């Protein structure tokens, strides 16, 4: 896989990696891991929200509706 970054992104990534004593690759890998974890969490919340919305629709209605 090749990742093409804008010049400003590449420079900022290099500076950050140097400041942290890491490689740019390790920073990008960590960022991808975080993204995938967050998206997985969001999907779980959406799935559970839809499940409980259907299951508990009556109690969730406001009185008088």
PDB file of N, CA and C in Angstrom:
ATOM      1  N   UNK A   1       0.847  -1.176   0.000  1.00  0.00           N
ATOM      2  CA  UNK A   1       0.000   0.000   0.000  1.00  0.00           C
ATOM      3  C   UNK A   1       0.888   1.232   0.000  1.00  0.00           C
ATOM      4  N   UNK A   2       0.523   2.167  -0.815  1.00  0.00           N
ATOM      5  CA  UNK A   2       1.221   3.453  -0.835  1.00  0.00           C
ATOM      6  C   UNK A   2       0.266   4.525  -0.346  1.00  0.00           C
ATOM      7  N   UNK A   3       0.763   5.380   0.505  1.00  0.00           N
ATOM      8  CA  UNK A   3      -0.035   6.475   1.028  1.00  0.00           C
ATOM      9  C   UNK A   3       0.570   7.774   0.524  1.00  0.00           C
ATOM     10  N   UNK A   4      -0.221   8.519  -0.198  1.00  0.00           N
ATOM     11  CA  UNK A   4       0.259   9.795  -0.714  1.00  0.00           C
ATOM     12  C   UNK A   4      -0.291  10.915   0.160  1.00  0.00           C
ATOM     13  N   UNK A   5       0.597  11.628   0.773  1.00  0.00           N
ATOM     14  CA  UNK A   5       0.235  12.754   1.624  1.00  0.00           C
ATOM     15  C   UNK A   5       0.553  14.050   0.894  1.00  0.00           C
ATOM     16  N   UNK A   6      -0.175  15.106   1.272  1.00  0.00           N
ATOM     17  CA  UNK A   6       0.201  16.424   0.766  1.00  0.00           C
ATOM     18  C   UNK A   6       1.562  16.764   1.366  1.00  0.00           C
ATOM     19  N   UNK A   7       2.270  17.678   0.734  1.00  0.00           N
ATOM     20  CA  UNK A   7       3.593  18.061   1.221  1.00  0.00           C
ATOM     21  C   UNK A   7       3.546  18.569   2.657  1.00  0.00           C
ATOM     22  N   UNK A   8       2.529  19.377   2.986  1.00  0.00           N
ATOM     23  CA  UNK A   8       2.432  19.914   4.342  1.00  0.00           C
ATOM     24  C   UNK A   8       2.152  18.813   5.363  1.00  0.00           C
ATOM     25  N   UNK A   9       1.367  17.813   4.971  1.00  0.00           N
ATOM     26  CA  UNK A   9       1.098  16.696   5.871  1.00  0.00           C
ATOM     27  C   UNK A   9       2.364  15.884   6.121  1.00  0.00           C
ATOM     28  N   UNK A  10       3.098  15.644   5.051  1.00  0.00           N
ATOM     29  CA  UNK A  10       4.321  14.856   5.174  1.00  0.00           C
ATOM     30  C   UNK A  10       5.340  15.557   6.075  1.00  0.00           C
ATOM     31  N   UNK A  11       5.476  16.847   5.899  1.00  0.00           N
ATOM     32  CA  UNK A  11       6.423  17.599   6.730  1.00  0.00           C
ATOM     33  C   UNK A  11       5.988  17.607   8.190  1.00  0.00           C
ATOM     34  N   UNK A  12       4.712  17.819   8.428  1.00  0.00           N
ATOM     35  CA  UNK A  12       4.206  17.814   9.806  1.00  0.00           C
ATOM     36  C   UNK A  12       4.363  16.436  10.442  1.00  0.00           C
ATOM     37  N   UNK A  13       4.134  15.407   9.673  1.00  0.00           N
ATOM     38  CA  UNK A  13       4.298  14.043  10.168  1.00  0.00           C
ATOM     39  C   UNK A  13       5.754  13.766  10.522  1.00  0.00           C
ATOM     40  N   UNK A  14       6.649  14.191   9.686  1.00  0.00           N
ATOM     41  CA  UNK A  14       8.083  14.013   9.963  1.00  0.00           C
ATOM     42  C   UNK A  14       8.488  14.752  11.233  1.00  0.00           C
ATOM     43  N   UNK A  15       8.017  15.986  11.383  1.00  0.00           N
ATOM     44  CA  UNK A  15       8.342  16.760  12.593  1.00  0.00           C
ATOM     45  C   UNK A  15       7.791  16.081  13.845  1.00  0.00           C
ATOM     46  N   UNK A  16       6.559  15.612  13.757  1.00  0.00           N
ATOM     47  CA  UNK A  16       5.936  14.953  14.901  1.00  0.00           C
ATOM     48  C   UNK A  16       6.682  13.668  15.250  1.00  0.00           C
ATOM     49  N   UNK A  17       7.024  12.901  14.251  1.00  0.00           N
ATOM     50  CA  UNK A  17       7.747  11.649  14.476  1.00  0.00           C
ATOM     51  C   UNK A  17       9.090  11.917  15.139  1.00  0.00           C
ATOM     52  N   UNK A  18       9.782  12.921  14.661  1.00  0.00           N
ATOM     53  CA  UNK A  18      11.076  13.261  15.240  1.00  0.00           C
ATOM     54  C   UNK A  18      10.912  13.723  16.693  1.00  0.00           C
ATOM     55  N   UNK A  19       9.900  14.519  16.950  1.00  0.00           N
ATOM     56  CA  UNK A  19       9.663  15.016  18.309  1.00  0.00           C
ATOM     57  C   UNK A  19       9.346  13.879  19.277  1.00  0.00           C
ATOM     58  N   UNK A  20       8.681  12.841  18.770  1.00  0.00           N
ATOM     59  CA  UNK A  20       8.305  11.714  19.611  1.00  0.00           C
ATOM     60  C   UNK A  20       9.326  10.582  19.591  1.00  0.00           C
ATOM     61  N   UNK A  21      10.341  10.706  18.753  1.00  0.00           N
ATOM     62  CA  UNK A  21      11.325   9.629  18.644  1.00  0.00           C
ATOM     63  C   UNK A  21      10.729   8.371  18.028  1.00  0.00           C
ATOM     64  N   UNK A  22       9.826   8.577  17.101  1.00  0.00           N
ATOM     65  CA  UNK A  22       9.150   7.460  16.437  1.00  0.00           C
ATOM     66  C   UNK A  22       9.334   7.588  14.940  1.00  0.00           C
ATOM     67  N   UNK A  23       8.836   6.585  14.240  1.00  0.00           N
ATOM     68  CA  UNK A  23       8.856   6.664  12.782  1.00  0.00           C
ATOM     69  C   UNK A  23       7.517   7.214  12.303  1.00  0.00           C
ATOM     70  N   UNK A  24       7.521   7.879  11.161  1.00  0.00           N
ATOM     71  CA  UNK A  24       6.252   8.325  10.591  1.00  0.00           C
ATOM     72  C   UNK A  24       5.280   7.149  10.396  1.00  0.00           C
ATOM     73  N   UNK A  25       5.807   6.019  10.000  1.00  0.00           N
ATOM     74  CA  UNK A  25       4.972   4.841   9.773  1.00  0.00           C
ATOM     75  C   UNK A  25       4.253   4.424  11.053  1.00  0.00           C
ATOM     76  N   UNK A  26       4.933   4.446  12.183  1.00  0.00           N
ATOM     77  CA  UNK A  26       4.293   4.029  13.433  1.00  0.00           C
ATOM     78  C   UNK A  26       3.172   4.992  13.824  1.00  0.00           C
ATOM     79  N   UNK A  27       3.354   6.271  13.532  1.00  0.00           N
ATOM     80  CA  UNK A  27       2.308   7.253  13.837  1.00  0.00           C
ATOM     81  C   UNK A  27       1.095   7.021  12.953  1.00  0.00           C
ATOM     82  N   UNK A  28       1.310   6.774  11.680  1.00  0.00           N
ATOM     83  CA  UNK A  28       0.200   6.520  10.765  1.00  0.00           C
ATOM     84  C   UNK A  28      -0.516   5.225  11.145  1.00  0.00           C
ATOM     85  N   UNK A  29       0.223   4.193  11.494  1.00  0.00           N
ATOM     86  CA  UNK A  29      -0.404   2.937  11.899  1.00  0.00           C
ATOM     87  C   UNK A  29      -1.273   3.131  13.139  1.00  0.00           C
ATOM     88  N   UNK A  30      -0.788   3.896  14.094  1.00  0.00           N
ATOM     89  CA  UNK A  30      -1.565   4.175  15.294  1.00  0.00           C
ATOM     90  C   UNK A  30      -2.833   4.961  14.952  1.00  0.00           C
ATOM     91  N   UNK A  31      -2.699   5.914  14.043  1.00  0.00           N
ATOM     92  CA  UNK A  31      -3.860   6.706  13.629  1.00  0.00           C
ATOM     93  C   UNK A  31      -4.913   5.816  12.958  1.00  0.00           C
ATOM     94  N   UNK A  32      -4.487   4.892  12.140  1.00  0.00           N
ATOM     95  CA  UNK A  32      -5.415   3.974  11.475  1.00  0.00           C
ATOM     96  C   UNK A  32      -6.090   3.085  12.518  1.00  0.00           C
ATOM     97  N   UNK A  33      -5.318   2.576  13.473  1.00  0.00           N
ATOM     98  CA  UNK A  33      -5.899   1.755  14.539  1.00  0.00           C
ATOM     99  C   UNK A  33      -6.966   2.515  15.306  1.00  0.00           C
ATOM    100  N   UNK A  34      -6.681   3.757  15.661  1.00  0.00           N
ATOM    101  CA  UNK A  34      -7.660   4.578  16.392  1.00  0.00           C
ATOM    102  C   UNK A  34      -8.914   4.809  15.565  1.00  0.00           C
ATOM    103  N   UNK A  35      -8.732   5.129  14.297  1.00  0.00           N
ATOM    104  CA  UNK A  35      -9.863   5.353  13.410  1.00  0.00           C
ATOM    105  C   UNK A  35     -10.745   4.113  13.336  1.00  0.00           C
ATOM    106  N   UNK A  36     -10.141   2.955  13.123  1.00  0.00           N
ATOM    107  CA  UNK A  36     -10.905   1.719  13.004  1.00  0.00           C
ATOM    108  C   UNK A  36     -11.635   1.391  14.297  1.00  0.00           C
ATOM    109  N   UNK A  37     -11.008   1.625  15.423  1.00  0.00           N
ATOM    110  CA  UNK A  37     -11.650   1.379  16.713  1.00  0.00           C
ATOM    111  C   UNK A  37     -12.845   2.314  16.897  1.00  0.00           C
ATOM    112  N   UNK A  38     -12.664   3.590  16.585  1.00  0.00           N
ATOM    113  CA  UNK A  38     -13.761   4.557  16.729  1.00  0.00           C
ATOM    114  C   UNK A  38     -14.927   4.215  15.815  1.00  0.00           C
ATOM    115  N   UNK A  39     -14.632   3.853  14.583  1.00  0.00           N
ATOM    116  CA  UNK A  39     -15.702   3.513  13.647  1.00  0.00           C
ATOM    117  C   UNK A  39     -16.422   2.251  14.093  1.00  0.00           C
ATOM    118  N   UNK A  40     -15.700   1.293  14.632  1.00  0.00           N
ATOM    119  CA  UNK A  40     -16.327   0.088  15.177  1.00  0.00           C
ATOM    120  C   UNK A  40     -17.234   0.425  16.341  1.00  0.00           C
ATOM    121  N   UNK A  41     -16.776   1.325  17.207  1.00  0.00           N
ATOM    122  CA  UNK A  41     -17.595   1.763  18.335  1.00  0.00           C
ATOM    123  C   UNK A  41     -18.848   2.470  17.850  1.00  0.00           C
ATOM    124  N   UNK A  42     -18.708   3.325  16.854  1.00  0.00           N
ATOM    125  CA  UNK A  42     -19.871   4.045  16.322  1.00  0.00           C
ATOM    126  C   UNK A  42     -20.896   3.084  15.734  1.00  0.00           C
ATOM    127  N   UNK A  43     -20.409   2.083  15.021  1.00  0.00           N
ATOM    128  CA  UNK A  43     -21.311   1.098  14.426  1.00  0.00           C
ATOM    129  C   UNK A  43     -22.049   0.330  15.517  1.00  0.00           C
ATOM    130  N   UNK A  44     -21.366  -0.011  16.588  1.00  0.00           N
ATOM    131  CA  UNK A  44     -21.993  -0.720  17.703  1.00  0.00           C
ATOM    132  C   UNK A  44     -23.060   0.143  18.354  1.00  0.00           C
ATOM    133  N   UNK A  45     -22.762   1.417  18.568  1.00  0.00           N
ATOM    134  CA  UNK A  45     -23.736   2.318  19.181  1.00  0.00           C
ATOM    135  C   UNK A  45     -24.961   2.458  18.279  1.00  0.00           C
ATOM    136  N   UNK A  46     -24.755   2.612  16.974  1.00  0.00           N
ATOM    137  CA  UNK A  46     -25.888   2.722  16.055  1.00  0.00           C
ATOM    138  C   UNK A  46     -26.742   1.452  16.086  1.00  0.00           C
ATOM    139  N   UNK A  47     -26.080   0.300  16.074  1.00  0.00           N
ATOM    140  CA  UNK A  47     -26.800  -0.975  16.076  1.00  0.00           C
ATOM    141  C   UNK A  47     -27.603  -1.132  17.362  1.00  0.00           C
ATOM    142  N   UNK A  48     -26.967  -0.864  18.495  1.00  0.00           N
ATOM    143  CA  UNK A  48     -27.666  -0.996  19.773  1.00  0.00           C
ATOM    144  C   UNK A  48     -28.764   0.047  19.924  1.00  0.00           C
ATOM    145  N   UNK A  49     -28.512   1.255  19.449  1.00  0.00           N
ATOM    146  CA  UNK A  49     -29.529   2.290  19.507  1.00  0.00           C
ATOM    147  C   UNK A  49     -30.772   1.894  18.731  1.00  0.00           C
ATOM    148  N   UNK A  50     -30.578   1.352  17.541  1.00  0.00           N
ATOM    149  CA  UNK A  50     -31.712   0.920  16.719  1.00  0.00           C
ATOM    150  C   UNK A  50     -32.451  -0.231  17.393  1.00  0.00           C
ATOM    151  N   UNK A  51     -31.711  -1.138  17.983  1.00  0.00           N
ATOM    152  CA  UNK A  51     -32.318  -2.286  18.663  1.00  0.00           C
ATOM    153  C   UNK A  51     -33.194  -1.823  19.828  1.00  0.00           C
ATOM    154  N   UNK A  52     -32.669  -0.952  20.668  1.00  0.00           N
ATOM    155  CA  UNK A  52     -33.415  -0.524  21.852  1.00  0.00           C
ATOM    156  C   UNK A  52     -34.498   0.486  21.520  1.00  0.00           C
ATOM    157  N   UNK A  53     -34.337   1.199  20.426  1.00  0.00           N
ATOM    158  CA  UNK A  53     -35.390   2.120  20.007  1.00  0.00           C
ATOM    159  C   UNK A  53     -36.650   1.333  19.667  1.00  0.00           C
ATOM    160  N   UNK A  54     -36.480   0.228  18.963  1.00  0.00           N
ATOM    161  CA  UNK A  54     -37.622  -0.608  18.595  1.00  0.00           C
ATOM    162  C   UNK A  54     -38.179  -1.305  19.834  1.00  0.00           C
ATOM    163  N   UNK A  55     -37.306  -1.869  20.627  1.00  0.00           N
ATOM    164  CA  UNK A  55     -37.725  -2.642  21.797  1.00  0.00           C
ATOM    165  C   UNK A  55     -38.444  -1.777  22.832  1.00  0.00           C
ATOM    166  N   UNK A  56     -38.002  -0.549  23.000  1.00  0.00           N
ATOM    167  CA  UNK A  56     -38.529   0.318  24.049  1.00  0.00           C
ATOM    168  C   UNK A  56     -39.236   1.543  23.476  1.00  0.00           C
ATOM    169  N   UNK A  57     -39.845   1.390  22.327  1.00  0.00           N
ATOM    170  CA  UNK A  57     -40.473   2.533  21.662  1.00  0.00           C
ATOM    171  C   UNK A  57     -41.568   3.157  22.512  1.00  0.00           C
ATOM    172  N   UNK A  58     -42.420   2.334  23.093  1.00  0.00           N
ATOM    173  CA  UNK A  58     -43.526   2.892  23.884  1.00  0.00           C
ATOM    174  C   UNK A  58     -43.036   3.699  25.080  1.00  0.00           C
ATOM    175  N   UNK A  59     -42.160   3.160  25.916  1.00  0.00           N
ATOM    176  CA  UNK A  59     -41.704   3.963  27.064  1.00  0.00           C
ATOM    177  C   UNK A  59     -40.914   5.213  26.655  1.00  0.00           C
ATOM    178  N   UNK A  60     -40.338   5.202  25.465  1.00  0.00           N
ATOM    179  CA  UNK A  60     -39.551   6.350  25.036  1.00  0.00           C
ATOM    180  C   UNK A  60     -40.409   7.489  24.492  1.00  0.00           C
ATOM    181  N   UNK A  61     -41.655   7.205  24.183  1.00  0.00           N
ATOM    182  CA  UNK A  61     -42.546   8.278  23.696  1.00  0.00           C
ATOM    183  C   UNK A  61     -42.826   9.249  24.828  1.00  0.00           C
ATOM    184  N   UNK A  62     -42.951  10.477  24.453  1.00  0.00           N
ATOM    185  CA  UNK A  62     -43.279  11.495  25.449  1.00  0.00           C
ATOM    186  C   UNK A  62     -44.748  11.380  25.844  1.00  0.00           C
ATOM    187  N   UNK A  63     -45.044  11.637  27.084  1.00  0.00           N
ATOM    188  CA  UNK A  63     -46.456  11.594  27.489  1.00  0.00           C
ATOM    189  C   UNK A  63     -47.285  12.551  26.630  1.00  0.00           C
ATOM    190  N   UNK A  64     -48.438  12.093  26.228  1.00  0.00           N
ATOM    191  CA  UNK A  64     -49.332  12.923  25.437  1.00  0.00           C
ATOM    192  C   UNK A  64     -49.156  12.758  23.944  1.00  0.00           C
ATOM    193  N   UNK A  65     -48.200  11.980  23.491  1.00  0.00           N
ATOM    194  CA  UNK A  65     -48.009  11.784  22.042  1.00  0.00           C
ATOM    195  C   UNK A  65     -48.851  10.644  21.549  1.00  0.00           C
TER     196      UNK A  65
END
